[in-house]
């Protein structure tokens, strides 16, 4: 078992978005592009689609 730092829910979310951005850049998949637009974080810390954040929290 490693001593990796635990991520907060927001840090894990940001890591997932980075992963998806890389996937989108390689594939240009419209579905991933649409998902990424829902996951954009506003300056106030909410996602473009508030349900996306709630779905994330339900998962973690």
C-alpha atoms as a PDB file:
ATOM      1  CA  UNK A   1       0.000   0.000   0.000  1.00  0.00           C
ATOM      2  CA  UNK A   2       1.417   3.410  -0.935  1.00  0.00           C
ATOM      3  CA  UNK A   3       1.386   6.639   1.022  1.00  0.00           C
ATOM      4  CA  UNK A   4      -0.412   8.632  -1.653  1.00  0.00           C
ATOM      5  CA  UNK A   5      -2.165  11.762  -0.510  1.00  0.00           C
ATOM      6  CA  UNK A   6      -5.929  11.435  -0.367  1.00  0.00           C
ATOM      7  CA  UNK A   7      -7.803  13.767  -2.670  1.00  0.00           C
ATOM      8  CA  UNK A   8     -10.772  15.857  -1.704  1.00  0.00           C
ATOM      9  CA  UNK A   9     -13.951  15.364  -3.705  1.00  0.00           C
ATOM     10  CA  UNK A  10     -13.159  18.539  -5.667  1.00  0.00           C
ATOM     11  CA  UNK A  11      -9.555  17.490  -6.370  1.00  0.00           C
ATOM     12  CA  UNK A  12     -10.734  14.079  -7.567  1.00  0.00           C
ATOM     13  CA  UNK A  13     -13.325  15.794  -9.765  1.00  0.00           C
ATOM     14  CA  UNK A  14     -10.644  18.033 -11.270  1.00  0.00           C
ATOM     15  CA  UNK A  15      -8.435  14.988 -11.931  1.00  0.00           C
ATOM     16  CA  UNK A  16     -11.323  13.243 -13.684  1.00  0.00           C
ATOM     17  CA  UNK A  17     -11.927  16.331 -15.838  1.00  0.00           C
ATOM     18  CA  UNK A  18      -8.228  16.426 -16.815  1.00  0.00           C
ATOM     19  CA  UNK A  19      -8.417  12.752 -17.782  1.00  0.00           C
ATOM     20  CA  UNK A  20     -11.519  13.375 -19.896  1.00  0.00           C
ATOM     21  CA  UNK A  21      -9.930  16.436 -21.544  1.00  0.00           C
ATOM     22  CA  UNK A  22      -6.976  14.305 -22.619  1.00  0.00           C
ATOM     23  CA  UNK A  23      -9.303  11.629 -23.948  1.00  0.00           C
ATOM     24  CA  UNK A  24     -11.300  14.253 -25.824  1.00  0.00           C
ATOM     25  CA  UNK A  25      -8.181  15.761 -27.385  1.00  0.00           C
ATOM     26  CA  UNK A  26      -7.162  12.334 -28.681  1.00  0.00           C
ATOM     27  CA  UNK A  27     -10.580  11.238 -29.931  1.00  0.00           C
ATOM     28  CA  UNK A  28     -12.645  14.392 -30.549  1.00  0.00           C
ATOM     29  CA  UNK A  29     -15.648  12.325 -29.361  1.00  0.00           C
ATOM     30  CA  UNK A  30     -18.741  14.546 -29.375  1.00  0.00           C
ATOM     31  CA  UNK A  31     -20.181  12.780 -26.339  1.00  0.00           C
ATOM     32  CA  UNK A  32     -17.093  13.544 -24.254  1.00  0.00           C
ATOM     33  CA  UNK A  33     -17.100  17.144 -25.470  1.00  0.00           C
ATOM     34  CA  UNK A  34     -20.704  17.486 -24.341  1.00  0.00           C
ATOM     35  CA  UNK A  35     -19.911  15.949 -20.986  1.00  0.00           C
ATOM     36  CA  UNK A  36     -16.968  18.291 -20.507  1.00  0.00           C
ATOM     37  CA  UNK A  37     -19.163  21.307 -21.192  1.00  0.00           C
ATOM     38  CA  UNK A  38     -21.469  20.158 -18.363  1.00  0.00           C
ATOM     39  CA  UNK A  39     -18.464  19.750 -16.041  1.00  0.00           C
ATOM     40  CA  UNK A  40     -17.006  23.236 -16.516  1.00  0.00           C
ATOM     41  CA  UNK A  41     -16.475  24.934 -13.165  1.00  0.00           C
ATOM     42  CA  UNK A  42     -17.686  28.501 -12.742  1.00  0.00           C
ATOM     43  CA  UNK A  43     -15.809  30.990 -10.596  1.00  0.00           C
ATOM     44  CA  UNK A  44     -18.296  30.395  -7.796  1.00  0.00           C
ATOM     45  CA  UNK A  45     -17.352  26.697  -7.692  1.00  0.00           C
ATOM     46  CA  UNK A  46     -20.467  25.257  -9.306  1.00  0.00           C
ATOM     47  CA  UNK A  47     -20.524  23.202 -12.473  1.00  0.00           C
ATOM     48  CA  UNK A  48     -22.185  24.446 -15.659  1.00  0.00           C
ATOM     49  CA  UNK A  49     -24.770  21.716 -15.059  1.00  0.00           C
ATOM     50  CA  UNK A  50     -25.419  21.586 -11.291  1.00  0.00           C
ATOM     51  CA  UNK A  51     -26.721  18.038 -11.651  1.00  0.00           C
ATOM     52  CA  UNK A  52     -23.245  16.974 -12.819  1.00  0.00           C
ATOM     53  CA  UNK A  53     -21.749  17.900  -9.443  1.00  0.00           C
ATOM     54  CA  UNK A  54     -24.543  16.109  -7.595  1.00  0.00           C
ATOM     55  CA  UNK A  55     -23.992  13.012  -9.753  1.00  0.00           C
ATOM     56  CA  UNK A  56     -20.295  13.178  -8.867  1.00  0.00           C
ATOM     57  CA  UNK A  57     -21.020  13.475  -5.158  1.00  0.00           C
ATOM     58  CA  UNK A  58     -23.400  10.508  -5.377  1.00  0.00           C
ATOM     59  CA  UNK A  59     -20.515   8.481  -6.831  1.00  0.00           C
ATOM     60  CA  UNK A  60     -17.870   9.441  -4.306  1.00  0.00           C
END
